[in-house]
């Protein structure tokens, strides 16, 4: 199976690639540059070829980078991966969240009665669903929480905003900035999508001193080390259907 794994920044891509490295002292290939300046690195495991893409921050950048990569090669699965904020107490620092829904949490309109998601305005969509079996198996293998992951264009930085999101999405496990954009591009090519997030900070008041980015990147590496066999197994059973 060939999978495209889309990250926002190089540190996330490096952490994912480390988890997909079959040998302790690998010869690391130099990243290739795609049109648009996007960097992509190949990892080959038995039964799995993974291209790890640095696609930029935010849903628009992620969608553009994903669409570019998908236009240049054939893939069976697209994965949005990286670090993000976790909704306490369900997703503590250093834990993993696998999305059972990729939700554009701020795509819509503000009204006097509250927020309306874009589909309630009569156009568009704000939710993509991954293959349920794949998401469940990925969560089980990685020890992750299986829950919706919210895509936002502005990271939550206040208690009021966190409470608003939690009220609208009470089952949400994490927020990040790219998943829905990746999912939109994947859907345009008829491809399934998965999202996995390692929690670096709590969703709520912005407190850089409390962030645990290194711990989250380590969890991302461990998560992809466990995820590899799941992807191979899923690809063997679904790729040629």
C-alpha atoms as a PDB file:
ATOM      1  CA  UNK A   1       0.000   0.000   0.000  1.00  0.00           C
ATOM      2  CA  UNK A   2       1.097   3.565  -0.620  1.00  0.00           C
ATOM      3  CA  UNK A   3       0.041   6.213   1.895  1.00  0.00           C
ATOM      4  CA  UNK A   4       0.435   9.982   1.855  1.00  0.00           C
ATOM      5  CA  UNK A   5       1.037  11.377   5.338  1.00  0.00           C
ATOM      6  CA  UNK A   6       0.588  15.135   5.584  1.00  0.00           C
ATOM      7  CA  UNK A   7       2.169  17.152   8.378  1.00  0.00           C
ATOM      8  CA  UNK A   8       2.304  20.894   8.932  1.00  0.00           C
ATOM      9  CA  UNK A   9       5.961  21.447   9.829  1.00  0.00           C
ATOM     10  CA  UNK A  10       9.298  19.671   9.482  1.00  0.00           C
ATOM     11  CA  UNK A  11       9.506  18.573  13.129  1.00  0.00           C
ATOM     12  CA  UNK A  12       6.244  16.657  12.763  1.00  0.00           C
ATOM     13  CA  UNK A  13       7.397  15.091   9.501  1.00  0.00           C
ATOM     14  CA  UNK A  14      10.668  14.003  11.113  1.00  0.00           C
ATOM     15  CA  UNK A  15       8.801  12.417  14.022  1.00  0.00           C
ATOM     16  CA  UNK A  16       6.467  10.515  11.728  1.00  0.00           C
ATOM     17  CA  UNK A  17       9.348   9.357   9.512  1.00  0.00           C
ATOM     18  CA  UNK A  18      11.259   8.168  12.587  1.00  0.00           C
ATOM     19  CA  UNK A  19       8.312   5.965  13.536  1.00  0.00           C
ATOM     20  CA  UNK A  20       8.229   4.509  10.036  1.00  0.00           C
ATOM     21  CA  UNK A  21      11.972   3.788   9.907  1.00  0.00           C
ATOM     22  CA  UNK A  22      12.569   0.012   9.901  1.00  0.00           C
ATOM     23  CA  UNK A  23      16.224   0.185  10.985  1.00  0.00           C
ATOM     24  CA  UNK A  24      17.819   1.908  13.994  1.00  0.00           C
ATOM     25  CA  UNK A  25      20.525   3.606  11.914  1.00  0.00           C
ATOM     26  CA  UNK A  26      18.840   4.388   8.616  1.00  0.00           C
ATOM     27  CA  UNK A  27      20.246   6.150   5.615  1.00  0.00           C
ATOM     28  CA  UNK A  28      17.860   9.078   5.545  1.00  0.00           C
ATOM     29  CA  UNK A  29      16.968  10.176   2.019  1.00  0.00           C
ATOM     30  CA  UNK A  30      16.956  13.866   1.262  1.00  0.00           C
ATOM     31  CA  UNK A  31      13.442  15.297   0.958  1.00  0.00           C
ATOM     32  CA  UNK A  32      12.244  16.059  -2.556  1.00  0.00           C
ATOM     33  CA  UNK A  33      10.661  19.378  -3.368  1.00  0.00           C
ATOM     34  CA  UNK A  34       7.267  19.303  -5.052  1.00  0.00           C
ATOM     35  CA  UNK A  35       5.736  22.145  -7.066  1.00  0.00           C
ATOM     36  CA  UNK A  36       4.760  24.839  -4.615  1.00  0.00           C
ATOM     37  CA  UNK A  37       7.857  24.233  -2.484  1.00  0.00           C
ATOM     38  CA  UNK A  38       6.391  21.354  -0.482  1.00  0.00           C
ATOM     39  CA  UNK A  39       8.919  18.875   0.926  1.00  0.00           C
ATOM     40  CA  UNK A  40       8.211  15.138   0.762  1.00  0.00           C
ATOM     41  CA  UNK A  41      10.249  12.201   2.102  1.00  0.00           C
ATOM     42  CA  UNK A  42       9.767   8.508   1.260  1.00  0.00           C
ATOM     43  CA  UNK A  43       9.766   5.685   3.790  1.00  0.00           C
ATOM     44  CA  UNK A  44       9.555   2.051   2.665  1.00  0.00           C
ATOM     45  CA  UNK A  45       8.496  -0.751   4.971  1.00  0.00           C
ATOM     46  CA  UNK A  46       7.423  -4.276   4.031  1.00  0.00           C
ATOM     47  CA  UNK A  47       3.962  -3.812   2.576  1.00  0.00           C
ATOM     48  CA  UNK A  48       3.899  -0.056   3.057  1.00  0.00           C
ATOM     49  CA  UNK A  49       5.343   2.834   1.081  1.00  0.00           C
ATOM     50  CA  UNK A  50       4.771   6.112   2.915  1.00  0.00           C
ATOM     51  CA  UNK A  51       5.401   9.598   1.589  1.00  0.00           C
ATOM     52  CA  UNK A  52       5.652  12.129   4.422  1.00  0.00           C
ATOM     53  CA  UNK A  53       4.737  15.626   3.263  1.00  0.00           C
ATOM     54  CA  UNK A  54       5.437  18.964   4.962  1.00  0.00           C
ATOM     55  CA  UNK A  55       2.361  20.847   3.844  1.00  0.00           C
ATOM     56  CA  UNK A  56       2.221  24.022   5.903  1.00  0.00           C
ATOM     57  CA  UNK A  57       0.053  25.373   8.701  1.00  0.00           C
ATOM     58  CA  UNK A  58      -3.717  25.711   8.435  1.00  0.00           C
ATOM     59  CA  UNK A  59      -6.485  24.028   6.448  1.00  0.00           C
ATOM     60  CA  UNK A  60      -5.926  25.971   3.226  1.00  0.00           C
ATOM     61  CA  UNK A  61      -2.196  25.217   3.087  1.00  0.00           C
ATOM     62  CA  UNK A  62      -2.816  21.581   3.978  1.00  0.00           C
ATOM     63  CA  UNK A  63      -5.453  21.204   1.273  1.00  0.00           C
ATOM     64  CA  UNK A  64      -3.212  22.789  -1.364  1.00  0.00           C
ATOM     65  CA  UNK A  65      -0.198  20.660  -0.456  1.00  0.00           C
ATOM     66  CA  UNK A  66      -2.242  17.468  -0.312  1.00  0.00           C
ATOM     67  CA  UNK A  67      -3.905  18.153  -3.653  1.00  0.00           C
ATOM     68  CA  UNK A  68      -0.495  18.808  -5.238  1.00  0.00           C
ATOM     69  CA  UNK A  69       0.951  15.522  -3.960  1.00  0.00           C
ATOM     70  CA  UNK A  70      -2.135  13.544  -4.974  1.00  0.00           C
ATOM     71  CA  UNK A  71      -1.925  14.920  -8.496  1.00  0.00           C
ATOM     72  CA  UNK A  72       1.639  13.629  -8.862  1.00  0.00           C
ATOM     73  CA  UNK A  73       1.362  10.045  -7.573  1.00  0.00           C
ATOM     74  CA  UNK A  74      -1.150   7.282  -6.854  1.00  0.00           C
ATOM     75  CA  UNK A  75      -2.064   6.650  -3.219  1.00  0.00           C
ATOM     76  CA  UNK A  76      -4.469   4.382  -1.376  1.00  0.00           C
ATOM     77  CA  UNK A  77      -4.827   6.380   1.841  1.00  0.00           C
ATOM     78  CA  UNK A  78      -4.199   9.921   3.097  1.00  0.00           C
ATOM     79  CA  UNK A  79      -3.294  10.638   6.727  1.00  0.00           C
ATOM     80  CA  UNK A  80      -3.209  14.001   8.492  1.00  0.00           C
ATOM     81  CA  UNK A  81      -0.700  13.795  11.338  1.00  0.00           C
ATOM     82  CA  UNK A  82       0.965  16.043  13.855  1.00  0.00           C
ATOM     83  CA  UNK A  83       0.605  17.598  17.254  1.00  0.00           C
ATOM     84  CA  UNK A  84      -2.376  19.497  18.587  1.00  0.00           C
ATOM     85  CA  UNK A  85      -4.350  20.603  21.588  1.00  0.00           C
ATOM     86  CA  UNK A  86      -6.209  18.087  23.719  1.00  0.00           C
ATOM     87  CA  UNK A  87      -9.565  18.516  25.421  1.00  0.00           C
ATOM     88  CA  UNK A  88      -9.073  17.774  29.119  1.00  0.00           C
ATOM     89  CA  UNK A  89      -9.484  15.420  30.808  1.00  0.00           C
ATOM     90  CA  UNK A  90     -10.090  12.967  27.943  1.00  0.00           C
ATOM     91  CA  UNK A  91      -6.854  13.763  26.077  1.00  0.00           C
ATOM     92  CA  UNK A  92      -4.002  14.629  28.463  1.00  0.00           C
ATOM     93  CA  UNK A  93      -0.591  15.928  27.461  1.00  0.00           C
ATOM     94  CA  UNK A  94       1.492  13.343  25.629  1.00  0.00           C
ATOM     95  CA  UNK A  95      -1.487  11.203  24.654  1.00  0.00           C
ATOM     96  CA  UNK A  96      -2.685  10.348  21.160  1.00  0.00           C
ATOM     97  CA  UNK A  97      -6.046  10.988  19.528  1.00  0.00           C
ATOM     98  CA  UNK A  98      -7.262   9.181  16.404  1.00  0.00           C
ATOM     99  CA  UNK A  99     -10.156  10.934  14.694  1.00  0.00           C
ATOM    100  CA  UNK A 100     -13.471   9.187  14.208  1.00  0.00           C
ATOM    101  CA  UNK A 101     -14.572  12.431  12.532  1.00  0.00           C
ATOM    102  CA  UNK A 102     -12.573  15.286  11.001  1.00  0.00           C
ATOM    103  CA  UNK A 103     -14.574  18.420  11.760  1.00  0.00           C
ATOM    104  CA  UNK A 104     -14.191  21.973  10.442  1.00  0.00           C
ATOM    105  CA  UNK A 105     -15.154  23.588  13.714  1.00  0.00           C
ATOM    106  CA  UNK A 106     -15.146  27.216  12.589  1.00  0.00           C
ATOM    107  CA  UNK A 107     -16.417  26.870   9.008  1.00  0.00           C
ATOM    108  CA  UNK A 108     -19.816  28.532   8.977  1.00  0.00           C
ATOM    109  CA  UNK A 109     -21.453  31.707  10.232  1.00  0.00           C
ATOM    110  CA  UNK A 110     -21.959  33.513  13.501  1.00  0.00           C
ATOM    111  CA  UNK A 111     -25.597  34.428  14.137  1.00  0.00           C
ATOM    112  CA  UNK A 112     -27.449  36.045  17.050  1.00  0.00           C
ATOM    113  CA  UNK A 113     -28.592  32.548  17.964  1.00  0.00           C
ATOM    114  CA  UNK A 114     -25.068  31.107  17.843  1.00  0.00           C
ATOM    115  CA  UNK A 115     -22.756  29.398  15.373  1.00  0.00           C
ATOM    116  CA  UNK A 116     -24.136  27.701  12.275  1.00  0.00           C
ATOM    117  CA  UNK A 117     -21.946  25.124  10.500  1.00  0.00           C
ATOM    118  CA  UNK A 118     -21.656  25.557   6.771  1.00  0.00           C
ATOM    119  CA  UNK A 119     -24.024  22.727   5.829  1.00  0.00           C
ATOM    120  CA  UNK A 120     -26.810  24.365   7.845  1.00  0.00           C
ATOM    121  CA  UNK A 121     -26.373  27.427   5.629  1.00  0.00           C
ATOM    122  CA  UNK A 122     -27.357  25.267   2.691  1.00  0.00           C
ATOM    123  CA  UNK A 123     -23.981  24.561   1.089  1.00  0.00           C
ATOM    124  CA  UNK A 124     -20.748  22.712   1.714  1.00  0.00           C
ATOM    125  CA  UNK A 125     -19.852  20.274   4.459  1.00  0.00           C
ATOM    126  CA  UNK A 126     -17.943  20.480   7.695  1.00  0.00           C
ATOM    127  CA  UNK A 127     -17.345  16.804   8.554  1.00  0.00           C
ATOM    128  CA  UNK A 128     -15.375  13.987   6.944  1.00  0.00           C
ATOM    129  CA  UNK A 129     -15.489  10.449   8.319  1.00  0.00           C
ATOM    130  CA  UNK A 130     -12.536   8.048   8.119  1.00  0.00           C
ATOM    131  CA  UNK A 131     -13.084   4.335   7.515  1.00  0.00           C
ATOM    132  CA  UNK A 132     -14.568   3.280  10.854  1.00  0.00           C
ATOM    133  CA  UNK A 133     -12.697  -0.023  11.039  1.00  0.00           C
ATOM    134  CA  UNK A 134      -9.350   1.577  10.236  1.00  0.00           C
ATOM    135  CA  UNK A 135      -9.804   4.360  12.786  1.00  0.00           C
ATOM    136  CA  UNK A 136     -10.809   1.890  15.492  1.00  0.00           C
ATOM    137  CA  UNK A 137      -7.871  -0.419  14.793  1.00  0.00           C
ATOM    138  CA  UNK A 138      -5.470   2.526  14.676  1.00  0.00           C
ATOM    139  CA  UNK A 139      -6.695   3.784  18.036  1.00  0.00           C
ATOM    140  CA  UNK A 140      -6.431   0.329  19.587  1.00  0.00           C
ATOM    141  CA  UNK A 141      -2.907  -0.278  18.271  1.00  0.00           C
ATOM    142  CA  UNK A 142      -1.576   3.107  19.361  1.00  0.00           C
ATOM    143  CA  UNK A 143      -3.420   3.360  22.679  1.00  0.00           C
ATOM    144  CA  UNK A 144      -5.136   6.489  21.402  1.00  0.00           C
ATOM    145  CA  UNK A 145      -8.450   8.062  22.252  1.00  0.00           C
ATOM    146  CA  UNK A 146     -10.922   7.580  19.401  1.00  0.00           C
ATOM    147  CA  UNK A 147     -12.817  10.860  19.134  1.00  0.00           C
ATOM    148  CA  UNK A 148     -13.588  13.758  16.797  1.00  0.00           C
ATOM    149  CA  UNK A 149     -10.650  16.025  15.965  1.00  0.00           C
ATOM    150  CA  UNK A 150     -11.595  19.639  15.306  1.00  0.00           C
ATOM    151  CA  UNK A 151      -9.897  21.679  12.601  1.00  0.00           C
ATOM    152  CA  UNK A 152      -9.646  25.386  13.422  1.00  0.00           C
ATOM    153  CA  UNK A 153      -8.051  28.293  11.603  1.00  0.00           C
ATOM    154  CA  UNK A 154      -7.302  30.062  14.893  1.00  0.00           C
ATOM    155  CA  UNK A 155      -5.915  27.993  17.767  1.00  0.00           C
ATOM    156  CA  UNK A 156      -7.944  28.237  20.963  1.00  0.00           C
ATOM    157  CA  UNK A 157      -6.344  30.572  23.504  1.00  0.00           C
ATOM    158  CA  UNK A 158      -9.036  31.309  26.069  1.00  0.00           C
ATOM    159  CA  UNK A 159     -11.288  29.473  28.481  1.00  0.00           C
ATOM    160  CA  UNK A 160     -14.362  31.000  26.826  1.00  0.00           C
ATOM    161  CA  UNK A 161     -13.403  29.718  23.389  1.00  0.00           C
ATOM    162  CA  UNK A 162     -12.582  26.275  24.795  1.00  0.00           C
ATOM    163  CA  UNK A 163     -15.955  26.133  26.529  1.00  0.00           C
ATOM    164  CA  UNK A 164     -17.732  27.188  23.327  1.00  0.00           C
ATOM    165  CA  UNK A 165     -16.057  24.455  21.284  1.00  0.00           C
ATOM    166  CA  UNK A 166     -16.674  21.842  23.969  1.00  0.00           C
ATOM    167  CA  UNK A 167     -20.353  22.793  24.109  1.00  0.00           C
ATOM    168  CA  UNK A 168     -20.738  22.476  20.320  1.00  0.00           C
ATOM    169  CA  UNK A 169     -18.600  19.326  20.112  1.00  0.00           C
ATOM    170  CA  UNK A 170     -18.907  17.551  23.486  1.00  0.00           C
ATOM    171  CA  UNK A 171     -17.150  14.380  22.274  1.00  0.00           C
ATOM    172  CA  UNK A 172     -14.143  16.184  20.755  1.00  0.00           C
ATOM    173  CA  UNK A 173     -10.729  14.847  21.711  1.00  0.00           C
ATOM    174  CA  UNK A 174      -8.372  17.350  20.102  1.00  0.00           C
ATOM    175  CA  UNK A 175      -8.065  20.418  17.929  1.00  0.00           C
ATOM    176  CA  UNK A 176      -5.507  21.083  15.212  1.00  0.00           C
ATOM    177  CA  UNK A 177      -5.279  23.194  12.075  1.00  0.00           C
ATOM    178  CA  UNK A 178      -4.983  20.868   9.089  1.00  0.00           C
ATOM    179  CA  UNK A 179      -7.135  17.723   9.203  1.00  0.00           C
ATOM    180  CA  UNK A 180     -10.237  18.992   7.422  1.00  0.00           C
ATOM    181  CA  UNK A 181      -8.164  20.567   4.650  1.00  0.00           C
ATOM    182  CA  UNK A 182      -6.343  17.277   4.095  1.00  0.00           C
ATOM    183  CA  UNK A 183      -9.678  15.463   4.078  1.00  0.00           C
ATOM    184  CA  UNK A 184     -11.163  17.825   1.478  1.00  0.00           C
ATOM    185  CA  UNK A 185      -8.266  17.158  -0.889  1.00  0.00           C
ATOM    186  CA  UNK A 186      -8.452  13.406  -0.293  1.00  0.00           C
ATOM    187  CA  UNK A 187     -12.199  13.397  -0.964  1.00  0.00           C
ATOM    188  CA  UNK A 188     -11.595  15.168  -4.255  1.00  0.00           C
ATOM    189  CA  UNK A 189      -9.521  12.147  -5.315  1.00  0.00           C
ATOM    190  CA  UNK A 190     -11.942   9.588  -3.871  1.00  0.00           C
ATOM    191  CA  UNK A 191      -9.456   8.511  -1.184  1.00  0.00           C
ATOM    192  CA  UNK A 192     -10.059   7.568   2.454  1.00  0.00           C
ATOM    193  CA  UNK A 193      -8.548   9.759   5.151  1.00  0.00           C
ATOM    194  CA  UNK A 194      -7.289   9.234   8.694  1.00  0.00           C
ATOM    195  CA  UNK A 195      -6.106  11.748  11.293  1.00  0.00           C
ATOM    196  CA  UNK A 196      -3.820  11.146  14.273  1.00  0.00           C
ATOM    197  CA  UNK A 197      -2.782  13.826  16.758  1.00  0.00           C
ATOM    198  CA  UNK A 198      -0.330  13.838  19.641  1.00  0.00           C
ATOM    199  CA  UNK A 199      -1.352  16.223  22.411  1.00  0.00           C
ATOM    200  CA  UNK A 200       1.181  18.961  23.137  1.00  0.00           C
ATOM    201  CA  UNK A 201      -1.060  21.330  25.104  1.00  0.00           C
ATOM    202  CA  UNK A 202      -4.496  21.606  26.622  1.00  0.00           C
ATOM    203  CA  UNK A 203      -7.245  23.362  24.690  1.00  0.00           C
ATOM    204  CA  UNK A 204      -7.835  26.531  26.694  1.00  0.00           C
ATOM    205  CA  UNK A 205      -5.956  29.611  27.885  1.00  0.00           C
ATOM    206  CA  UNK A 206      -2.705  30.015  25.954  1.00  0.00           C
ATOM    207  CA  UNK A 207       0.226  29.060  28.192  1.00  0.00           C
ATOM    208  CA  UNK A 208       3.417  28.326  26.250  1.00  0.00           C
ATOM    209  CA  UNK A 209       5.260  27.338  29.421  1.00  0.00           C
ATOM    210  CA  UNK A 210       2.860  24.425  29.885  1.00  0.00           C
ATOM    211  CA  UNK A 211       3.268  23.033  26.365  1.00  0.00           C
ATOM    212  CA  UNK A 212       5.063  19.707  25.981  1.00  0.00           C
ATOM    213  CA  UNK A 213       6.007  19.715  22.307  1.00  0.00           C
ATOM    214  CA  UNK A 214       8.954  17.350  22.666  1.00  0.00           C
ATOM    215  CA  UNK A 215       6.833  14.831  24.548  1.00  0.00           C
ATOM    216  CA  UNK A 216       4.118  15.070  21.916  1.00  0.00           C
ATOM    217  CA  UNK A 217       6.567  14.558  19.049  1.00  0.00           C
ATOM    218  CA  UNK A 218       7.915  11.491  20.840  1.00  0.00           C
ATOM    219  CA  UNK A 219       4.381  10.162  21.181  1.00  0.00           C
ATOM    220  CA  UNK A 220       3.843  10.765  17.464  1.00  0.00           C
ATOM    221  CA  UNK A 221       6.905   8.655  16.631  1.00  0.00           C
ATOM    222  CA  UNK A 222       5.760   5.851  18.921  1.00  0.00           C
ATOM    223  CA  UNK A 223       2.277   6.063  17.466  1.00  0.00           C
ATOM    224  CA  UNK A 224       3.466   5.599  13.889  1.00  0.00           C
ATOM    225  CA  UNK A 225       5.723   2.744  14.927  1.00  0.00           C
ATOM    226  CA  UNK A 226       2.591   0.967  16.164  1.00  0.00           C
ATOM    227  CA  UNK A 227       0.440   2.179  13.282  1.00  0.00           C
ATOM    228  CA  UNK A 228       2.564   0.730  10.474  1.00  0.00           C
ATOM    229  CA  UNK A 229       1.322  -2.887  10.762  1.00  0.00           C
ATOM    230  CA  UNK A 230      -2.282  -1.656  10.975  1.00  0.00           C
ATOM    231  CA  UNK A 231      -1.884   0.227   7.713  1.00  0.00           C
ATOM    232  CA  UNK A 232      -0.303  -2.774   6.002  1.00  0.00           C
ATOM    233  CA  UNK A 233      -3.088  -5.083   7.146  1.00  0.00           C
ATOM    234  CA  UNK A 234      -5.820  -2.649   6.141  1.00  0.00           C
ATOM    235  CA  UNK A 235      -4.214  -2.080   2.745  1.00  0.00           C
ATOM    236  CA  UNK A 236      -3.952  -5.815   2.043  1.00  0.00           C
ATOM    237  CA  UNK A 237      -7.668  -6.238   2.674  1.00  0.00           C
ATOM    238  CA  UNK A 238      -9.008  -3.087   1.020  1.00  0.00           C
ATOM    239  CA  UNK A 239      -6.610  -1.687  -1.555  1.00  0.00           C
ATOM    240  CA  UNK A 240      -7.659  -3.865  -4.491  1.00  0.00           C
ATOM    241  CA  UNK A 241     -11.379  -4.084  -3.822  1.00  0.00           C
END
